[in-house]
Each structure stands twice: as structure tokens, then as C-alpha cells.
Amino acid sequence: MAQRAGQRLGLRGPQPDAPPDGLLAAGALATPVLLLNSRSGDWPNGLANGSDYVGRNLMRHLMDWIEVWPERGCKITAENKEVGLNDFYFWEGQKYGTVQSAGAMANLASMDMLTNQPGWQPKMLRAMSPAVRPIYDRFFNGGLVLVPMMEDLPYLDNRVLPSDRPGADDRQRLRLHYRLHASEIERRGVFVRQIKEVLKPFRTLTLRTGANNSTLGHVCGTCRFGTDPQTSVLDAHNRAHELDNLYVVDASFFPSSAGLNPSLTVAANALRVAEYLNQAHFAT
């Protein structure tokens, strides 16, 4: 079912009693691009985009990857129990984030993380002779990888857009506009300093920083929900304000990113929306 010139249009499928609702869950990058690409005379800015908020408010968490050796000669080579702490979630009236270990990524090669990023140092490491790679591996690998994860706030200028050019295989490409604002720069500086102060007794190595704009973590917020159709895309039930039968149930709906992994919240919200639809269509 869709709308054209104020009229509802519908197609009847093999299950005429099925609810005419569409669920969109392509991810917080692909979902807004799909809507933005659905332009027409009735939807000049893209489907469900009367507010011009589709694709905006992109959030991705600022994650600093820090390898720490809890004791001398530590060599973690197998998967280990994950640990996490929220001691720095709030500090002196300011909100930061959480710290968790990459317990399920023990075989993560620290050297690969160091070399797979921009900058002259990674470039030099990539150019080193394969003969000396084992020496560097022994020095860089074997520690526990901790990930301080800080909340970034939603901003209208941080957004995802369709690319002007298709990829080499003619598949859809994306354009990302993301920059750190003053709040994120200041809070990240305080957050990382606090973490490193705690880790002072141990040997540490920063593998990747949250200031690196090429690192995307938990992307969310690009079709935010809210009560005002002028400043949001979805209503409280994750239904598009301008369409009766379109629901978005991926991480796009987040109005803020919080300072935690959003996976369980995404799943819980999808179940909440499913329960609402079930009651709306099958209450009897």
C-alpha cells in the first residue's frame, strides 16, 4: 500500500488477510539511503522525508582501542571472558561512556589494526619487510584489548547520503558527512585521560583512536523517532509520520546513541514494534 496524489494505492497478494505494513530494517546507513532514493513527484525529498531529517543525526560512537598487558610476559592467544565497566559513564556531572574488552577477539592481530588506518606511521609499518613481521607481532600482540566507547551527540550536519556515482559494479554507494563537534572533542579528551590514568601501572598501546573519522562503530540515528513530525522521521511506534504502513525497526530510530553497545536495544525495540503491530491487527 502506498500514497499518490493523496490517494491510497494497494496491491493484493496471495495472503489477502495479511496486514499491509512494511517493515524496513536495512541498517542505519542503507535504510535512509533507500528512502532518499525513493524520490517522486509526491515525495520530492525522498519517501517519508517531509522533515528533511532522513539520513541526518548520524551517530557512530567514539571508540579508542587500547591494548593493555595486565602482567609482564602476558600472552593472550585464546578467547577470554569479556569484562566491562561503567565507572566513567558519568563523571563530575558530564556523560562519557563505557569500557569493554574485546574478549571474543583474542585472535585479533594488533598489528593489523595498527597498519589498517591512515597516517604515516601505519604506512611505514605496512612497508616493512615480511621477514621482520614476526618480531613486531611478538611485541604488539598478546595483550588484552579494551575499548573505551563514548557517546556522540546527534547533529544535523552529520549525515549519510546517496552517492552521485555508482560503484564499479553498479551497486549503490554512500556518502558520509561526519565531523567531531566541540563537545565530542572535549569529552573524549577527558574520557581517554581518565582511562589512561587508571592503566598507568600497566604497559599499554593505543591501536586506534576515536578521533579517526574512518572508524565507524555503532551507526545509528539516521531516521530518529519522536513526537514532532518537523524534527523526526518516525513516531513513538517507529511508524513513519507521513505513511500509515511503513515501520523502521533497525538502529536508525535512535534519538541519541547512549554510551553503550546498542544491539540489545535494537532487538528489544523490534520486539516492541512487533507486539504493537500484533495487537493492532490481530487483537481478536
Protein backbone atom coordinates (compact mmCIF):
# COMPACT_ATOMS: atom_id res chain seq x y z
CA MET A 1 0.00 0.00 0.00
CA ALA A 2 1.29 3.48 -0.90
CA GLN A 3 0.07 7.02 -1.44
CA ARG A 4 -0.03 9.02 -4.66
CA ALA A 5 -1.62 12.44 -5.04
CA GLY A 6 -3.35 11.94 -1.70
CA GLN A 7 -4.87 8.63 -2.75
CA ARG A 8 -4.07 5.23 -1.32
CA LEU A 9 -2.93 2.57 -3.74
CA GLY A 10 -2.70 -1.08 -2.85
CA LEU A 11 -1.69 -4.43 -4.30
CA ARG A 12 -3.38 -7.60 -3.16
CA GLY A 13 -1.01 -10.54 -2.70
CA PRO A 14 -1.60 -14.25 -2.17
CA GLN A 15 -2.45 -13.62 1.51
CA PRO A 16 -5.24 -11.03 1.45
CA ASP A 17 -5.66 -11.15 5.24
CA ALA A 18 -2.04 -10.19 5.92
CA PRO A 19 -1.52 -6.70 7.40
CA PRO A 20 -0.48 -4.13 4.75
CA ASP A 21 2.51 -2.92 6.75
CA GLY A 22 6.07 -2.63 5.52
CA LEU A 23 8.99 -3.21 7.89
CA LEU A 24 12.30 -1.64 6.90
CA ALA A 25 15.46 -2.81 8.64
CA ALA A 26 18.35 -2.35 6.22
CA GLY A 27 20.64 -0.75 8.81
CA ALA A 28 21.25 2.85 9.79
CA LEU A 29 23.23 3.55 6.61
CA ALA A 30 21.23 1.69 3.95
CA THR A 31 17.74 2.47 5.32
CA PRO A 32 17.97 6.27 4.89
CA VAL A 33 19.65 5.89 1.50
CA LEU A 34 16.78 3.68 0.34
CA LEU A 35 14.27 6.30 1.47
CA LEU A 36 16.24 9.17 -0.06
CA ASN A 37 16.45 7.31 -3.36
CA SER A 38 12.66 6.87 -3.36
CA ARG A 39 12.02 10.32 -4.79
CA SER A 40 8.97 11.08 -6.88
CA GLY A 41 6.58 13.89 -7.65
CA ASP A 42 4.75 13.09 -4.44
CA TRP A 43 7.94 12.67 -2.42
CA PRO A 44 10.43 15.21 -3.84
CA ASN A 45 12.80 14.85 -0.86
CA GLY A 46 12.50 11.09 -0.64
CA LEU A 47 9.98 8.81 1.00
CA ALA A 48 8.86 9.86 4.50
CA ASN A 49 11.25 12.83 4.37
CA GLY A 50 9.00 15.86 4.71
CA SER A 51 11.06 16.92 7.72
CA ASP A 52 14.37 16.63 5.80
CA TYR A 53 15.66 14.54 8.73
CA VAL A 54 16.15 11.27 6.85
CA GLY A 55 19.86 10.48 6.88
CA ARG A 56 20.70 13.23 9.38
CA ASN A 57 21.80 12.97 13.04
CA LEU A 58 24.27 10.21 12.19
CA MET A 59 25.97 8.85 15.31
CA ARG A 60 28.68 6.19 15.44
CA HIS A 61 30.24 6.16 18.95
CA LEU A 62 33.82 7.27 19.54
CA MET A 63 35.86 4.15 20.25
CA ASP A 64 39.51 4.10 21.31
CA TRP A 65 41.13 0.67 21.05
CA ILE A 66 43.77 0.26 23.76
CA GLU A 67 45.84 -2.87 24.25
CA VAL A 68 46.93 -3.49 27.83
CA TRP A 69 49.25 -6.14 29.29
CA PRO A 70 47.91 -6.90 32.82
CA GLU A 71 51.17 -8.57 33.80
CA ARG A 72 54.69 -8.92 32.46
CA GLY A 73 55.01 -11.51 29.71
CA CYS A 74 51.23 -11.66 29.20
CA LYS A 75 50.30 -13.54 26.02
CA ILE A 76 46.57 -13.82 25.44
CA THR A 77 46.16 -16.14 22.48
CA ALA A 78 42.69 -17.63 23.03
CA GLU A 79 39.25 -16.18 23.52
CA ASN A 80 38.75 -14.95 27.07
CA LYS A 81 35.94 -13.73 29.28
CA GLU A 82 34.71 -10.28 28.37
CA VAL A 83 34.72 -7.62 31.05
CA GLY A 84 33.10 -4.22 31.11
CA LEU A 85 32.73 -1.29 33.46
CA ASN A 86 30.64 1.85 33.67
CA ASP A 87 32.74 3.69 36.25
CA PHE A 88 33.26 6.57 33.83
CA TYR A 89 29.74 6.74 32.40
CA PHE A 90 29.05 9.84 34.50
CA TRP A 91 31.87 11.88 35.97
CA GLU A 92 31.66 15.35 37.53
CA GLY A 93 28.24 15.95 36.00
CA GLN A 94 29.31 15.02 32.46
CA LYS A 95 28.35 11.95 30.48
CA TYR A 96 31.05 9.88 28.78
CA GLY A 97 30.63 6.15 28.13
CA THR A 98 31.57 2.60 28.97
CA VAL A 99 34.67 0.42 28.73
CA GLN A 100 34.52 -3.15 27.49
CA SER A 101 37.07 -5.74 26.50
CA ALA A 102 37.22 -7.46 23.13
CA GLY A 103 37.10 -10.88 24.77
CA ALA A 104 35.76 -12.65 21.70
CA MET A 105 38.50 -11.11 19.55
CA ALA A 106 41.57 -12.57 21.21
CA ASN A 107 42.94 -13.64 17.86
CA LEU A 108 42.65 -10.06 16.67
CA ALA A 109 46.03 -9.11 15.25
CA SER A 110 47.04 -5.83 16.83
CA MET A 111 49.49 -5.23 14.01
CA ASP A 112 46.64 -5.38 11.51
CA MET A 113 44.73 -2.76 13.48
CA LEU A 114 47.78 -0.53 13.61
CA THR A 115 48.50 -0.77 9.90
CA ASN A 116 44.93 -0.62 8.59
CA GLN A 117 44.39 3.11 9.14
CA PRO A 118 45.57 6.41 7.66
CA GLY A 119 48.75 8.19 8.71
CA TRP A 120 52.48 7.98 8.12
CA GLN A 121 53.21 5.53 10.94
CA PRO A 122 50.78 2.84 9.68
CA LYS A 123 52.18 3.41 6.19
CA MET A 124 55.71 2.72 7.43
CA LEU A 125 54.56 -0.44 9.24
CA ARG A 126 52.84 -1.68 6.09
CA ALA A 127 56.05 -1.18 4.14
CA MET A 128 58.21 -3.25 6.50
CA SER A 129 59.82 -6.45 5.31
CA PRO A 130 57.81 -9.66 5.90
CA ALA A 131 60.96 -11.08 7.47
CA VAL A 132 60.68 -8.74 10.47
CA ARG A 133 56.91 -9.07 10.83
CA PRO A 134 57.16 -11.89 13.44
CA ILE A 135 59.35 -9.66 15.62
CA TYR A 136 56.77 -6.87 15.56
CA ASP A 137 53.97 -9.39 16.17
CA ARG A 138 55.66 -10.59 19.37
CA PHE A 139 55.94 -7.01 20.58
CA PHE A 140 52.45 -5.80 19.66
CA ASN A 141 50.25 -8.89 20.16
CA GLY A 142 49.20 -10.81 23.26
CA GLY A 143 47.60 -8.09 25.35
CA LEU A 144 44.00 -7.53 26.39
CA VAL A 145 42.19 -5.14 24.06
CA LEU A 146 40.00 -2.62 25.88
CA VAL A 147 37.54 -0.37 24.07
CA PRO A 148 36.52 2.90 25.76
CA MET A 149 33.26 3.73 23.97
CA MET A 150 31.92 7.28 24.24
CA GLU A 151 28.54 8.65 23.29
CA ASP A 152 28.47 11.14 20.43
CA LEU A 153 25.53 13.52 20.13
CA PRO A 154 23.18 13.91 17.14
CA TYR A 155 23.90 16.81 14.77
CA LEU A 156 22.02 17.70 11.61
CA ASP A 157 25.21 18.11 9.59
CA ASN A 158 26.40 14.58 10.38
CA ARG A 159 24.57 12.53 7.80
CA VAL A 160 24.51 9.81 5.17
CA LEU A 161 23.51 10.49 1.56
CA PRO A 162 23.34 8.51 -1.68
CA SER A 163 26.48 8.82 -3.75
CA ASP A 164 26.36 10.77 -7.00
CA ARG A 165 28.18 7.93 -8.74
CA PRO A 166 27.54 4.17 -8.67
CA GLY A 167 30.30 1.77 -7.75
CA ALA A 168 32.38 -0.16 -10.25
CA ASP A 169 29.84 -2.98 -10.06
CA ASP A 170 26.92 -0.52 -10.45
CA ARG A 171 25.87 -1.06 -6.85
CA GLN A 172 24.66 1.82 -4.70
CA ARG A 173 27.38 3.77 -2.93
CA LEU A 174 27.08 6.02 0.11
CA ARG A 175 28.37 9.45 1.03
CA LEU A 176 29.12 10.11 4.69
CA HIS A 177 29.47 13.56 6.20
CA TYR A 178 30.73 13.30 9.77
CA ARG A 179 32.84 15.62 11.88
CA LEU A 180 33.61 15.79 15.56
CA HIS A 181 31.97 18.76 17.26
CA ALA A 182 33.44 20.69 20.17
CA SER A 183 31.50 18.69 22.76
CA GLU A 184 32.83 15.37 21.46
CA ILE A 185 36.42 16.61 21.20
CA GLU A 186 36.42 17.93 24.76
CA ARG A 187 34.61 14.97 26.34
CA ARG A 188 36.74 12.40 24.53
CA GLY A 189 39.90 14.10 25.78
CA VAL A 190 38.71 13.88 29.39
CA PHE A 191 37.40 10.32 28.96
CA VAL A 192 40.62 8.94 27.48
CA ARG A 193 42.77 10.71 30.07
CA GLN A 194 40.76 9.10 32.87
CA ILE A 195 41.14 5.64 31.32
CA LYS A 196 44.87 6.03 30.79
CA GLU A 197 45.32 7.28 34.36
CA VAL A 198 43.81 4.03 35.64
CA LEU A 199 46.01 2.00 33.29
CA LYS A 200 49.25 3.76 34.26
CA PRO A 201 50.69 0.77 36.18
CA PHE A 202 50.49 -1.37 33.05
CA ARG A 203 52.07 -1.39 29.65
CA THR A 204 49.58 -0.06 27.08
CA LEU A 205 49.45 0.57 23.36
CA THR A 206 46.83 2.66 21.53
CA LEU A 207 45.77 0.71 18.46
CA ARG A 208 43.14 3.07 17.10
CA THR A 209 41.59 6.33 18.29
CA GLY A 210 38.02 7.56 18.36
CA ALA A 211 39.14 10.73 16.61
CA ASN A 212 39.81 8.65 13.49
CA ASN A 213 36.92 9.56 11.21
CA SER A 214 37.35 6.43 9.11
CA THR A 215 36.25 4.22 12.01
CA LEU A 216 32.52 3.54 12.14
CA GLY A 217 31.26 1.70 15.18
CA HIS A 218 27.61 1.52 16.16
CA VAL A 219 25.98 3.61 13.45
CA CYS A 220 22.52 4.86 14.44
CA GLY A 221 20.11 7.80 14.50
CA THR A 222 19.53 8.44 10.79
CA CYS A 223 15.71 8.07 10.96
CA ARG A 224 15.11 9.20 14.51
CA PHE A 225 11.78 8.76 16.22
CA GLY A 226 9.93 11.45 18.16
CA THR A 227 6.61 13.18 18.70
CA ASP A 228 7.20 16.17 16.40
CA PRO A 229 6.95 15.39 12.65
CA GLN A 230 9.03 18.50 11.95
CA THR A 231 12.07 17.22 13.85
CA SER A 232 11.80 13.44 13.47
CA VAL A 233 11.05 10.77 10.87
CA LEU A 234 9.17 8.18 12.93
CA ASP A 235 6.54 8.29 15.64
CA ALA A 236 6.68 6.53 19.01
CA HIS A 237 5.72 3.22 17.36
CA ASN A 238 8.52 3.56 14.79
CA ARG A 239 5.99 4.30 12.07
CA ALA A 240 6.83 6.99 9.54
CA HIS A 241 4.94 10.19 10.35
CA GLU A 242 3.83 10.59 6.74
CA LEU A 243 2.93 6.98 5.95
CA ASP A 244 0.46 4.75 7.70
CA ASN A 245 2.16 1.49 6.86
CA LEU A 246 5.94 1.99 6.95
CA TYR A 247 7.86 0.99 10.08
CA VAL A 248 11.64 1.26 10.57
CA VAL A 249 13.00 -1.22 13.11
CA ASP A 250 16.79 -1.01 12.84
CA ALA A 251 19.24 1.31 14.64
CA SER A 252 18.09 4.27 12.54
CA PHE A 253 15.39 5.13 15.08
CA PHE A 254 17.74 6.15 17.95
CA PRO A 255 17.27 9.79 19.03
CA SER A 256 20.56 9.53 20.97
CA SER A 257 23.30 6.93 20.88
CA ALA A 258 23.91 6.48 24.63
CA GLY A 259 27.34 5.23 25.64
CA LEU A 260 26.69 1.51 25.27
CA ASN A 261 26.51 -1.14 22.57
CA PRO A 262 23.04 -0.62 21.02
CA SER A 263 22.49 -4.20 19.77
CA LEU A 264 20.18 -5.38 22.55
CA THR A 265 18.18 -2.14 22.41
CA VAL A 266 17.67 -2.60 18.67
CA ALA A 267 16.38 -6.14 19.25
CA ALA A 268 14.15 -5.10 22.16
CA ASN A 269 12.67 -2.23 20.16
CA ALA A 270 11.91 -4.52 17.20
CA LEU A 271 10.03 -6.84 19.57
CA ARG A 272 8.16 -3.82 20.98
CA VAL A 273 7.07 -2.76 17.49
CA ALA A 274 6.11 -6.34 16.61
CA GLU A 275 3.92 -6.51 19.72
CA TYR A 276 2.24 -3.25 18.75
CA LEU A 277 1.51 -4.49 15.22
CA ASN A 278 0.26 -7.80 16.54
CA GLN A 279 -2.21 -6.05 18.84
CA ALA A 280 -3.24 -3.60 16.13
CA HIS A 281 -4.01 -6.27 13.52
CA PHE A 282 -4.69 -9.46 15.44
CA ALA A 283 -6.24 -8.30 18.71
CA THR A 284 -9.25 -10.53 18.16
